[in-house]
Amino acid sequence: MELRQRALRALQTSDIQGKVDQSSAIWSQFASFSIANHDIPEPPGLPGRPAQPNLVAPTLVPQRSPFTVAGRAALIHAICHIEFNAIKIV
């Protein structure tokens, strides 16, 4: 199977566990994939995401120090979510 087709299918998946499962399968089978040498137009609706995200009250989010590796990773992850949603609104 062609690598880009599988990656596109995983990217378009809105179910979080399905996206994780497909990504893991792609990674474990990476060496067996081919990569076609042609242009593939970007399909609409990328990336797939749940229709309604789970909203969590700020008081329920664990506090992490930005002076630790885990804290910096959480901060960068949060910024990525903010920017992603800002882009998707446009």
C-alpha atoms as a PDB file:
ATOM      1  CA  MET A   1       0.000   0.000   0.000  1.00  0.00           C
ATOM      2  CA  GLU A   2       1.071   3.541  -0.641  1.00  0.00           C
ATOM      3  CA  LEU A   3       2.362   5.453   2.395  1.00  0.00           C
ATOM      4  CA  ARG A   4       0.630   8.751   1.611  1.00  0.00           C
ATOM      5  CA  GLN A   5      -2.766   7.073   1.241  1.00  0.00           C
ATOM      6  CA  ARG A   6      -2.474   5.498   4.687  1.00  0.00           C
ATOM      7  CA  ALA A   7      -1.146   8.711   6.246  1.00  0.00           C
ATOM      8  CA  LEU A   8      -3.985  10.709   4.683  1.00  0.00           C
ATOM      9  CA  ARG A   9      -6.555   8.258   6.007  1.00  0.00           C
ATOM     10  CA  ALA A  10      -5.068   8.547   9.511  1.00  0.00           C
ATOM     11  CA  LEU A  11      -4.940  12.343   9.292  1.00  0.00           C
ATOM     12  CA  GLN A  12      -8.604  12.547   8.267  1.00  0.00           C
ATOM     13  CA  THR A  13      -9.767  10.289  11.101  1.00  0.00           C
ATOM     14  CA  SER A  14     -11.664  12.270  13.718  1.00  0.00           C
ATOM     15  CA  ASP A  15     -11.754   9.500  16.346  1.00  0.00           C
ATOM     16  CA  ILE A  16      -8.741   9.996  18.610  1.00  0.00           C
ATOM     17  CA  GLN A  17      -8.134   6.315  19.373  1.00  0.00           C
ATOM     18  CA  GLY A  18      -8.612   5.442  15.697  1.00  0.00           C
ATOM     19  CA  LYS A  19      -6.018   8.070  14.739  1.00  0.00           C
ATOM     20  CA  VAL A  20      -3.564   6.648  17.299  1.00  0.00           C
ATOM     21  CA  ASP A  21      -4.169   3.069  16.123  1.00  0.00           C
ATOM     22  CA  GLN A  22      -3.725   3.960  12.456  1.00  0.00           C
ATOM     23  CA  SER A  23      -0.568   5.981  13.169  1.00  0.00           C
ATOM     24  CA  SER A  24       0.908   3.107  15.184  1.00  0.00           C
ATOM     25  CA  ALA A  25       0.116   0.658  12.383  1.00  0.00           C
ATOM     26  CA  ILE A  26       1.762   2.932   9.828  1.00  0.00           C
ATOM     27  CA  TRP A  27       4.872   3.222  11.998  1.00  0.00           C
ATOM     28  CA  SER A  28       5.123  -0.542  12.558  1.00  0.00           C
ATOM     29  CA  GLN A  29       4.711  -1.279   8.826  1.00  0.00           C
ATOM     30  CA  PHE A  30       6.728   1.690   7.552  1.00  0.00           C
ATOM     31  CA  ALA A  31       9.374  -0.339   5.713  1.00  0.00           C
ATOM     32  CA  SER A  32       6.754  -2.161   3.601  1.00  0.00           C
ATOM     33  CA  PHE A  33       5.153   0.979   2.155  1.00  0.00           C
ATOM     34  CA  SER A  34       5.900   2.535  -1.196  1.00  0.00           C
ATOM     35  CA  ILE A  35       5.894   6.247  -1.971  1.00  0.00           C
ATOM     36  CA  ALA A  36       4.347   7.170  -5.298  1.00  0.00           C
ATOM     37  CA  ASN A  37       6.102   9.828  -7.330  1.00  0.00           C
ATOM     38  CA  HIS A  38       3.122  11.998  -8.284  1.00  0.00           C
ATOM     39  CA  ASP A  39       1.342  15.042  -6.957  1.00  0.00           C
ATOM     40  CA  ILE A  40      -1.655  14.403  -4.751  1.00  0.00           C
ATOM     41  CA  PRO A  41      -3.989  17.375  -4.300  1.00  0.00           C
ATOM     42  CA  GLU A  42      -4.804  18.241  -0.697  1.00  0.00           C
ATOM     43  CA  PRO A  43      -8.288  16.996   0.090  1.00  0.00           C
ATOM     44  CA  PRO A  44     -10.719  19.171   2.050  1.00  0.00           C
ATOM     45  CA  GLY A  45     -11.313  18.568   5.734  1.00  0.00           C
ATOM     46  CA  LEU A  46      -7.759  18.149   6.987  1.00  0.00           C
ATOM     47  CA  PRO A  47      -7.004  17.204   9.632  1.00  0.00           C
ATOM     48  CA  GLY A  48      -9.879  15.141  10.955  1.00  0.00           C
ATOM     49  CA  ARG A  49     -10.874  16.048  14.465  1.00  0.00           C
ATOM     50  CA  PRO A  50     -13.786  15.406  16.816  1.00  0.00           C
ATOM     51  CA  ALA A  51     -16.861  17.544  16.210  1.00  0.00           C
ATOM     52  CA  GLN A  52     -16.866  18.719  19.829  1.00  0.00           C
ATOM     53  CA  PRO A  53     -13.642  18.755  21.864  1.00  0.00           C
ATOM     54  CA  ASN A  54     -13.730  17.728  25.510  1.00  0.00           C
ATOM     55  CA  LEU A  55     -13.688  20.953  27.499  1.00  0.00           C
ATOM     56  CA  VAL A  56     -11.962  20.806  30.868  1.00  0.00           C
ATOM     57  CA  ALA A  57     -12.283  23.447  33.556  1.00  0.00           C
ATOM     58  CA  PRO A  58      -8.960  25.208  34.243  1.00  0.00           C
ATOM     59  CA  THR A  59      -9.133  24.116  37.879  1.00  0.00           C
ATOM     60  CA  LEU A  60      -9.061  20.454  36.771  1.00  0.00           C
ATOM     61  CA  VAL A  61      -5.928  20.813  34.627  1.00  0.00           C
ATOM     62  CA  PRO A  62      -2.770  19.790  36.496  1.00  0.00           C
ATOM     63  CA  GLN A  63      -0.364  22.607  37.296  1.00  0.00           C
ATOM     64  CA  ARG A  64       3.097  22.118  35.805  1.00  0.00           C
ATOM     65  CA  SER A  65       6.171  24.241  36.251  1.00  0.00           C
ATOM     66  CA  PRO A  66       7.585  25.720  33.024  1.00  0.00           C
ATOM     67  CA  PHE A  67      11.009  25.029  34.545  1.00  0.00           C
ATOM     68  CA  THR A  68      10.712  21.258  34.027  1.00  0.00           C
ATOM     69  CA  VAL A  69      10.793  19.246  30.803  1.00  0.00           C
ATOM     70  CA  ALA A  70       7.226  17.993  31.365  1.00  0.00           C
ATOM     71  CA  GLY A  71       6.030  21.517  32.141  1.00  0.00           C
ATOM     72  CA  ARG A  72       7.589  22.985  28.995  1.00  0.00           C
ATOM     73  CA  ALA A  73       6.141  20.140  26.905  1.00  0.00           C
ATOM     74  CA  ALA A  74       2.670  20.818  28.337  1.00  0.00           C
ATOM     75  CA  LEU A  75       3.030  24.541  27.637  1.00  0.00           C
ATOM     76  CA  ILE A  76       4.098  23.970  24.024  1.00  0.00           C
ATOM     77  CA  HIS A  77       1.271  21.458  23.577  1.00  0.00           C
ATOM     78  CA  ALA A  78      -1.260  24.001  24.880  1.00  0.00           C
ATOM     79  CA  ILE A  79       0.090  26.720  22.581  1.00  0.00           C
ATOM     80  CA  CYS A  80      -0.178  24.344  19.615  1.00  0.00           C
ATOM     81  CA  HIS A  81      -3.842  23.707  20.435  1.00  0.00           C
ATOM     82  CA  ILE A  82      -4.528  27.428  20.715  1.00  0.00           C
ATOM     83  CA  GLU A  83      -2.839  28.185  17.392  1.00  0.00           C
ATOM     84  CA  PHE A  84      -4.475  25.224  15.651  1.00  0.00           C
ATOM     85  CA  ASN A  85      -7.925  26.392  16.708  1.00  0.00           C
ATOM     86  CA  ALA A  86      -7.125  29.974  15.688  1.00  0.00           C
ATOM     87  CA  ILE A  87      -6.133  28.751  12.219  1.00  0.00           C
ATOM     88  CA  LYS A  88      -9.224  26.545  11.864  1.00  0.00           C
ATOM     89  CA  ILE A  89     -11.565  29.449  12.653  1.00  0.00           C
ATOM     90  CA  VAL A  90     -10.300  31.460   9.696  1.00  0.00           C
END
